[in-house]
C-alpha atoms as a PDB file:
ATOM      1  CA  MET A   1     -24.426  -5.516  61.707  1.00  0.00           C
ATOM      2  CA  THR A   2     -21.440  -7.649  60.688  1.00  0.00           C
ATOM      3  CA  ARG A   3     -23.640  -9.480  58.211  1.00  0.00           C
ATOM      4  CA  THR A   4     -24.770  -6.160  56.656  1.00  0.00           C
ATOM      5  CA  LEU A   5     -21.165  -4.987  56.319  1.00  0.00           C
ATOM      6  CA  LEU A   6     -20.184  -8.287  54.749  1.00  0.00           C
ATOM      7  CA  ILE A   7     -22.996  -8.039  52.179  1.00  0.00           C
ATOM      8  CA  ALA A   8     -22.083  -4.405  51.460  1.00  0.00           C
ATOM      9  CA  GLY A   9     -18.419  -5.395  51.031  1.00  0.00           C
ATOM     10  CA  VAL A  10     -19.311  -8.189  48.596  1.00  0.00           C
ATOM     11  CA  ALA A  11     -21.524  -5.790  46.604  1.00  0.00           C
ATOM     12  CA  ILE A  12     -18.723  -3.206  46.378  1.00  0.00           C
ATOM     13  CA  CYS A  13     -16.269  -5.892  45.189  1.00  0.00           C
ATOM     14  CA  ALA A  14     -18.737  -7.068  42.553  1.00  0.00           C
ATOM     15  CA  LEU A  15     -19.282  -3.512  41.284  1.00  0.00           C
ATOM     16  CA  THR A  16     -15.545  -2.864  41.207  1.00  0.00           C
ATOM     17  CA  LEU A  17     -14.885  -6.043  39.219  1.00  0.00           C
ATOM     18  CA  GLY A  18     -17.725  -5.164  36.847  1.00  0.00           C
ATOM     19  CA  ALA A  19     -16.204  -1.730  36.268  1.00  0.00           C
ATOM     20  CA  CYS A  20     -12.808  -3.306  35.579  1.00  0.00           C
ATOM     21  CA  ASP A  21     -14.326  -5.611  32.976  1.00  0.00           C
ATOM     22  CA  LYS A  22     -16.024  -2.665  31.243  1.00  0.00           C
ATOM     23  CA  THR A  23     -12.737  -0.734  31.166  1.00  0.00           C
ATOM     24  CA  SER A  24     -10.915  -3.611  29.503  1.00  0.00           C
ATOM     25  CA  GLU A  25     -13.688  -3.998  26.906  1.00  0.00           C
ATOM     26  CA  THR A  26     -13.466  -0.364  25.775  1.00  0.00           C
ATOM     27  CA  LYS A  27      -9.702  -0.043  25.975  1.00  0.00           C
ATOM     28  CA  GLY A  28      -8.368   0.976  22.571  1.00  0.00           C
ATOM     29  CA  ALA A  29     -11.809   1.820  21.179  1.00  0.00           C
ATOM     30  CA  ALA A  30     -12.040   5.061  19.251  1.00  0.00           C
ATOM     31  CA  THR A  31     -13.749   7.939  20.987  1.00  0.00           C
ATOM     32  CA  PRO A  32     -16.684   9.581  19.159  1.00  0.00           C
ATOM     33  CA  ASN A  33     -14.343  12.459  18.194  1.00  0.00           C
ATOM     34  CA  GLU A  34     -11.752  10.026  16.796  1.00  0.00           C
ATOM     35  CA  GLN A  35     -14.452   8.200  14.845  1.00  0.00           C
ATOM     36  CA  ALA A  36     -15.721  11.474  13.373  1.00  0.00           C
ATOM     37  CA  MET A  37     -12.197  12.436  12.287  1.00  0.00           C
ATOM     38  CA  THR A  38     -11.538   9.091  10.560  1.00  0.00           C
ATOM     39  CA  PRO A  39     -12.864   9.092   6.984  1.00  0.00           C
ATOM     40  CA  ASP A  40     -14.465   5.741   6.131  1.00  0.00           C
ATOM     41  CA  ALA A  41     -13.716   5.977   2.414  1.00  0.00           C
ATOM     42  CA  ASN A  42      -9.969   6.380   2.936  1.00  0.00           C
ATOM     43  CA  PRO A  43      -8.216   2.999   2.687  1.00  0.00           C
ATOM     44  CA  ALA A  44      -5.231   4.490   4.502  1.00  0.00           C
ATOM     45  CA  ALA A  45      -7.482   5.012   7.513  1.00  0.00           C
ATOM     46  CA  THR A  46      -8.730   1.428   7.504  1.00  0.00           C
ATOM     47  CA  VAL A  47      -5.590  -0.480   6.495  1.00  0.00           C
ATOM     48  CA  PRO A  48      -3.108  -0.514   9.379  1.00  0.00           C
ATOM     49  CA  THR A  49       0.374   0.655   8.484  1.00  0.00           C
ATOM     50  CA  PRO A  50       3.073  -1.895   9.224  1.00  0.00           C
ATOM     51  CA  SER A  51       5.390  -0.007  11.564  1.00  0.00           C
ATOM     52  CA  ASN A  52       8.415  -0.192   9.298  1.00  0.00           C
ATOM     53  CA  GLU A  53       6.511   1.118   6.243  1.00  0.00           C
ATOM     54  CA  SER A  54       6.091   4.473   7.932  1.00  0.00           C
ATOM     55  CA  THR A  55       9.853   5.010   7.846  1.00  0.00           C
ATOM     56  CA  ALA A  56      11.376   6.673   4.796  1.00  0.00           C
ATOM     57  CA  PRO A  57      14.101   4.049   4.121  1.00  0.00           C
ATOM     58  CA  VAL A  58      11.584   1.184   3.918  1.00  0.00           C
ATOM     59  CA  PHE A  59       9.076   3.217   1.921  1.00  0.00           C
ATOM     60  CA  VAL A  60      11.717   4.364  -0.597  1.00  0.00           C
ATOM     61  CA  ASP A  61      12.965   0.798  -1.045  1.00  0.00           C
ATOM     62  CA  LYS A  62       9.456  -0.613  -1.581  1.00  0.00           C
ATOM     63  CA  ALA A  63       8.286   2.226  -3.842  1.00  0.00           C
ATOM     64  CA  GLY A  64      11.507   2.060  -5.851  1.00  0.00           C
ATOM     65  CA  ASN A  65      11.190  -1.700  -6.282  1.00  0.00           C
ATOM     66  CA  SER A  66       7.587  -1.271  -7.357  1.00  0.00           C
ATOM     67  CA  ASP A  67       8.585   1.186 -10.097  1.00  0.00           C
ATOM     68  CA  LEU A  68      11.445  -1.058 -11.258  1.00  0.00           C
ATOM     69  CA  PHE A  69       9.058  -4.000 -11.489  1.00  0.00           C
ATOM     70  CA  GLU A  70       6.423  -2.022 -13.394  1.00  0.00           C
ATOM     71  CA  ILE A  71       8.968  -0.741 -15.901  1.00  0.00           C
ATOM     72  CA  GLU A  72      10.617  -4.119 -16.514  1.00  0.00           C
ATOM     73  CA  ALA A  73       7.346  -6.078 -16.717  1.00  0.00           C
ATOM     74  CA  SER A  74       5.938  -3.513 -19.122  1.00  0.00           C
ATOM     75  CA  LYS A  75       9.042  -3.640 -21.355  1.00  0.00           C
ATOM     76  CA  ILE A  76       8.500  -7.387 -21.638  1.00  0.00           C
ATOM     77  CA  ALA A  77       4.809  -6.828 -22.441  1.00  0.00           C
ATOM     78  CA  VAL A  78       5.630  -4.359 -25.225  1.00  0.00           C
ATOM     79  CA  THR A  79       7.739  -7.079 -26.825  1.00  0.00           C
ATOM     80  CA  ARG A  80       5.655 -10.191 -26.114  1.00  0.00           C
ATOM     81  CA  SER A  81       2.005  -9.116 -26.040  1.00  0.00           C
ATOM     82  CA  THR A  82      -0.180  -9.690 -29.082  1.00  0.00           C
ATOM     83  CA  ASN A  83      -2.969  -7.449 -27.743  1.00  0.00           C
ATOM     84  CA  PRO A  84      -2.772  -3.797 -28.922  1.00  0.00           C
ATOM     85  CA  GLN A  85      -4.525  -2.555 -25.748  1.00  0.00           C
ATOM     86  CA  VAL A  86      -2.066  -4.393 -23.531  1.00  0.00           C
ATOM     87  CA  LYS A  87       0.866  -2.961 -25.507  1.00  0.00           C
ATOM     88  CA  THR A  88      -0.547   0.573 -25.205  1.00  0.00           C
ATOM     89  CA  PHE A  89      -1.046   0.129 -21.455  1.00  0.00           C
ATOM     90  CA  ALA A  90       2.481  -1.260 -21.072  1.00  0.00           C
ATOM     91  CA  LYS A  91       4.000   1.747 -22.876  1.00  0.00           C
ATOM     92  CA  GLN A  92       2.055   4.091 -20.585  1.00  0.00           C
ATOM     93  CA  MET A  93       3.324   2.207 -17.524  1.00  0.00           C
ATOM     94  CA  ILE A  94       6.956   2.489 -18.656  1.00  0.00           C
ATOM     95  CA  GLU A  95       6.593   6.247 -19.023  1.00  0.00           C
ATOM     96  CA  ALA A  96       4.529   6.755 -15.859  1.00  0.00           C
ATOM     97  CA  HIS A  97       6.768   4.705 -13.561  1.00  0.00           C
ATOM     98  CA  THR A  98       9.946   6.235 -14.977  1.00  0.00           C
ATOM     99  CA  THR A  99       8.419   9.619 -14.120  1.00  0.00           C
ATOM    100  CA  SER A 100       7.386   8.338 -10.682  1.00  0.00           C
ATOM    101  CA  SER A 101      10.934   7.201  -9.889  1.00  0.00           C
ATOM    102  CA  ALA A 102      12.301  10.592 -10.919  1.00  0.00           C
ATOM    103  CA  ALA A 103       9.713  12.353  -8.720  1.00  0.00           C
ATOM    104  CA  LEU A 104      10.599  10.141  -5.753  1.00  0.00           C
ATOM    105  CA  GLY A 105      14.296  10.906  -6.281  1.00  0.00           C
ATOM    106  CA  LYS A 106      13.482  14.619  -6.311  1.00  0.00           C
ATOM    107  CA  ALA A 107      11.430  14.289  -3.098  1.00  0.00           C
ATOM    108  CA  ILE A 108      14.340  12.510  -1.411  1.00  0.00           C
ATOM    109  CA  THR A 109      16.709  15.322  -2.428  1.00  0.00           C
ATOM    110  CA  GLU A 110      14.278  17.991  -1.225  1.00  0.00           C
ATOM    111  CA  SER A 111      13.866  16.186   2.088  1.00  0.00           C
ATOM    112  CA  GLY A 112      17.600  16.266   2.796  1.00  0.00           C
ATOM    113  CA  GLN A 113      17.579  12.514   3.440  1.00  0.00           C
ATOM    114  CA  THR A 114      20.622  10.462   2.473  1.00  0.00           C
ATOM    115  CA  LEU A 115      18.517   7.780   0.813  1.00  0.00           C
ATOM    116  CA  THR A 116      18.908   6.332  -2.648  1.00  0.00           C
ATOM    117  CA  LEU A 117      16.499   4.480  -4.884  1.00  0.00           C
ATOM    118  CA  PRO A 118      17.246   0.767  -5.236  1.00  0.00           C
ATOM    119  CA  PRO A 119      19.552   0.162  -8.222  1.00  0.00           C
ATOM    120  CA  ALA A 120      17.978  -3.234  -8.945  1.00  0.00           C
ATOM    121  CA  MET A 121      14.846  -5.161  -8.020  1.00  0.00           C
ATOM    122  CA  ASN A 122      14.759  -7.249  -4.872  1.00  0.00           C
ATOM    123  CA  ASP A 123      14.541 -11.047  -5.156  1.00  0.00           C
ATOM    124  CA  ASP A 124      10.745 -11.118  -4.859  1.00  0.00           C
ATOM    125  CA  MET A 125      10.234  -8.708  -7.752  1.00  0.00           C
ATOM    126  CA  ALA A 126      12.967 -10.384  -9.811  1.00  0.00           C
ATOM    127  CA  GLY A 127      11.190 -13.713  -9.303  1.00  0.00           C
ATOM    128  CA  LYS A 128       7.956 -12.228 -10.637  1.00  0.00           C
ATOM    129  CA  ILE A 129       9.803 -10.958 -13.709  1.00  0.00           C
ATOM    130  CA  SER A 130      11.299 -14.413 -14.201  1.00  0.00           C
ATOM    131  CA  ASP A 131       7.808 -15.952 -14.020  1.00  0.00           C
ATOM    132  CA  LEU A 132       6.514 -13.414 -16.538  1.00  0.00           C
ATOM    133  CA  ASN A 133       9.353 -14.247 -18.934  1.00  0.00           C
ATOM    134  CA  LYS A 134       8.498 -17.948 -18.617  1.00  0.00           C
ATOM    135  CA  ALA A 135       4.769 -17.450 -19.252  1.00  0.00           C
ATOM    136  CA  ASP A 136       3.418 -19.378 -22.210  1.00  0.00           C
ATOM    137  CA  ALA A 137       2.639 -17.147 -25.213  1.00  0.00           C
ATOM    138  CA  LYS A 138      -1.110 -17.914 -25.062  1.00  0.00           C
ATOM    139  CA  ASP A 139      -1.209 -17.021 -21.339  1.00  0.00           C
ATOM    140  CA  PHE A 140       1.155 -14.055 -21.460  1.00  0.00           C
ATOM    141  CA  ASP A 141      -1.370 -11.210 -21.600  1.00  0.00           C
ATOM    142  CA  LYS A 142      -3.401 -12.647 -18.722  1.00  0.00           C
ATOM    143  CA  THR A 143      -0.251 -13.232 -16.639  1.00  0.00           C
ATOM    144  CA  TYR A 144       0.989  -9.685 -17.285  1.00  0.00           C
ATOM    145  CA  VAL A 145      -2.351  -7.990 -16.593  1.00  0.00           C
ATOM    146  CA  ASP A 146      -3.008 -10.049 -13.441  1.00  0.00           C
ATOM    147  CA  GLY A 147       0.434  -9.023 -12.206  1.00  0.00           C
ATOM    148  CA  GLN A 148      -0.326  -5.391 -12.980  1.00  0.00           C
ATOM    149  CA  VAL A 149      -3.531  -5.448 -10.943  1.00  0.00           C
ATOM    150  CA  ASP A 150      -1.721  -6.995  -7.969  1.00  0.00           C
ATOM    151  CA  ALA A 151       1.316  -4.705  -8.227  1.00  0.00           C
ATOM    152  CA  HIS A 152      -0.735  -1.533  -8.563  1.00  0.00           C
ATOM    153  CA  GLN A 153      -2.959  -2.482  -5.625  1.00  0.00           C
ATOM    154  CA  ALA A 154       0.116  -3.106  -3.459  1.00  0.00           C
ATOM    155  CA  ALA A 155       1.699   0.174  -4.614  1.00  0.00           C
ATOM    156  CA  LEU A 156      -1.508   2.093  -3.943  1.00  0.00           C
ATOM    157  CA  ASN A 157      -1.765   0.661  -0.421  1.00  0.00           C
ATOM    158  CA  LEU A 158       1.885   1.558   0.248  1.00  0.00           C
ATOM    159  CA  LEU A 159       1.489   5.124  -1.029  1.00  0.00           C
ATOM    160  CA  GLN A 160      -1.735   5.771   0.870  1.00  0.00           C
ATOM    161  CA  ARG A 161      -0.327   4.427   4.115  1.00  0.00           C
ATOM    162  CA  TYR A 162       2.875   6.481   3.828  1.00  0.00           C
ATOM    163  CA  ALA A 163       0.906   9.602   2.885  1.00  0.00           C
ATOM    164  CA  GLU A 164      -1.019   9.072   6.133  1.00  0.00           C
ATOM    165  CA  ASP A 165       1.678   7.866   8.544  1.00  0.00           C
ATOM    166  CA  GLY A 166       5.045   8.627   6.914  1.00  0.00           C
ATOM    167  CA  ASP A 167       7.882  10.270   8.793  1.00  0.00           C
ATOM    168  CA  VAL A 168       9.357  12.641   6.160  1.00  0.00           C
ATOM    169  CA  PRO A 169       7.119  15.516   4.911  1.00  0.00           C
ATOM    170  CA  ALA A 170       8.572  15.858   1.391  1.00  0.00           C
ATOM    171  CA  ILE A 171       8.288  12.107   0.793  1.00  0.00           C
ATOM    172  CA  LYS A 172       4.786  12.080   2.303  1.00  0.00           C
ATOM    173  CA  ALA A 173       3.834  14.785  -0.209  1.00  0.00           C
ATOM    174  CA  PHE A 174       5.209  12.604  -3.036  1.00  0.00           C
ATOM    175  CA  ALA A 175       3.136   9.667  -1.791  1.00  0.00           C
ATOM    176  CA  ALA A 176      -0.020  11.772  -1.548  1.00  0.00           C
ATOM    177  CA  THR A 177       0.460  13.182  -5.065  1.00  0.00           C
ATOM    178  CA  THR A 178       1.328   9.820  -6.625  1.00  0.00           C
ATOM    179  CA  ALA A 179      -1.454   7.722  -5.063  1.00  0.00           C
ATOM    180  CA  PRO A 180      -4.266   9.073  -7.327  1.00  0.00           C
ATOM    181  CA  LYS A 181      -2.142   8.350 -10.418  1.00  0.00           C
ATOM    182  CA  VAL A 182      -1.578   4.780  -9.285  1.00  0.00           C
ATOM    183  CA  GLN A 183      -5.317   4.466  -8.606  1.00  0.00           C
ATOM    184  CA  LYS A 184      -5.926   5.367 -12.268  1.00  0.00           C
ATOM    185  CA  HIS A 185      -3.369   2.744 -13.367  1.00  0.00           C
ATOM    186  CA  LEU A 186      -5.102   0.171 -11.152  1.00  0.00           C
ATOM    187  CA  ASP A 187      -8.482   1.028 -12.672  1.00  0.00           C
ATOM    188  CA  MET A 188      -7.014   0.703 -16.173  1.00  0.00           C
ATOM    189  CA  ALA A 189      -5.436  -2.654 -15.315  1.00  0.00           C
ATOM    190  CA  LYS A 190      -8.733  -3.943 -13.903  1.00  0.00           C
ATOM    191  CA  THR A 191     -10.550  -2.903 -17.088  1.00  0.00           C
ATOM    192  CA  LEU A 192      -7.906  -4.666 -19.183  1.00  0.00           C
ATOM    193  CA  LYS A 193      -8.196  -7.756 -16.994  1.00  0.00           C
ATOM    194  CA  ASP A 194     -11.923  -7.971 -17.744  1.00  0.00           C
ATOM    195  CA  GLY A 195     -11.144  -8.061 -21.476  1.00  0.00           C
ATOM    196  CA  VAL A 196      -8.155 -10.414 -21.419  1.00  0.00           C
ATOM    197  CA  LYS A 197      -8.814 -14.146 -21.125  1.00  0.00           C
END
């Protein structure tokens, strides 16, 4: 009898440990309902949002710096580029990102937040502008367009993530409205990149 109880006790322990292992394997996994509600084609759903990017102050600073960079880099391109398509694109970016900054400022006002757009680029963006200014004339167009692809991809990721996870509704609405425009800019920059050597 004691032997039977001992075997039964060992079996129960083994089953309990097995159940614990299964629980730890599935912990954090999405339920079927959560999977159904998560659109696969939405990068915002697949790219995790860094925790600080979902706060309005960080988002406004990053989005504002992005616009400042786009405007300044494009002003340089209007002056230095020898490619008419690159010049046309650069002029469009100056106008579009000036408009974007104004729209972000309006969203901040509507939200009642006491945030302000950055008055000047951060050191990282300023360094990229410095590198662009130093680019050799024969490499300028490629350097500018490569930078535009990278900058627009980063801006698009930022906007999509804030539109998904942001903490201020009026600024989230700005991000959601602006993301498709930045996607178009990214597509244009990629097309230009294919034609610029």
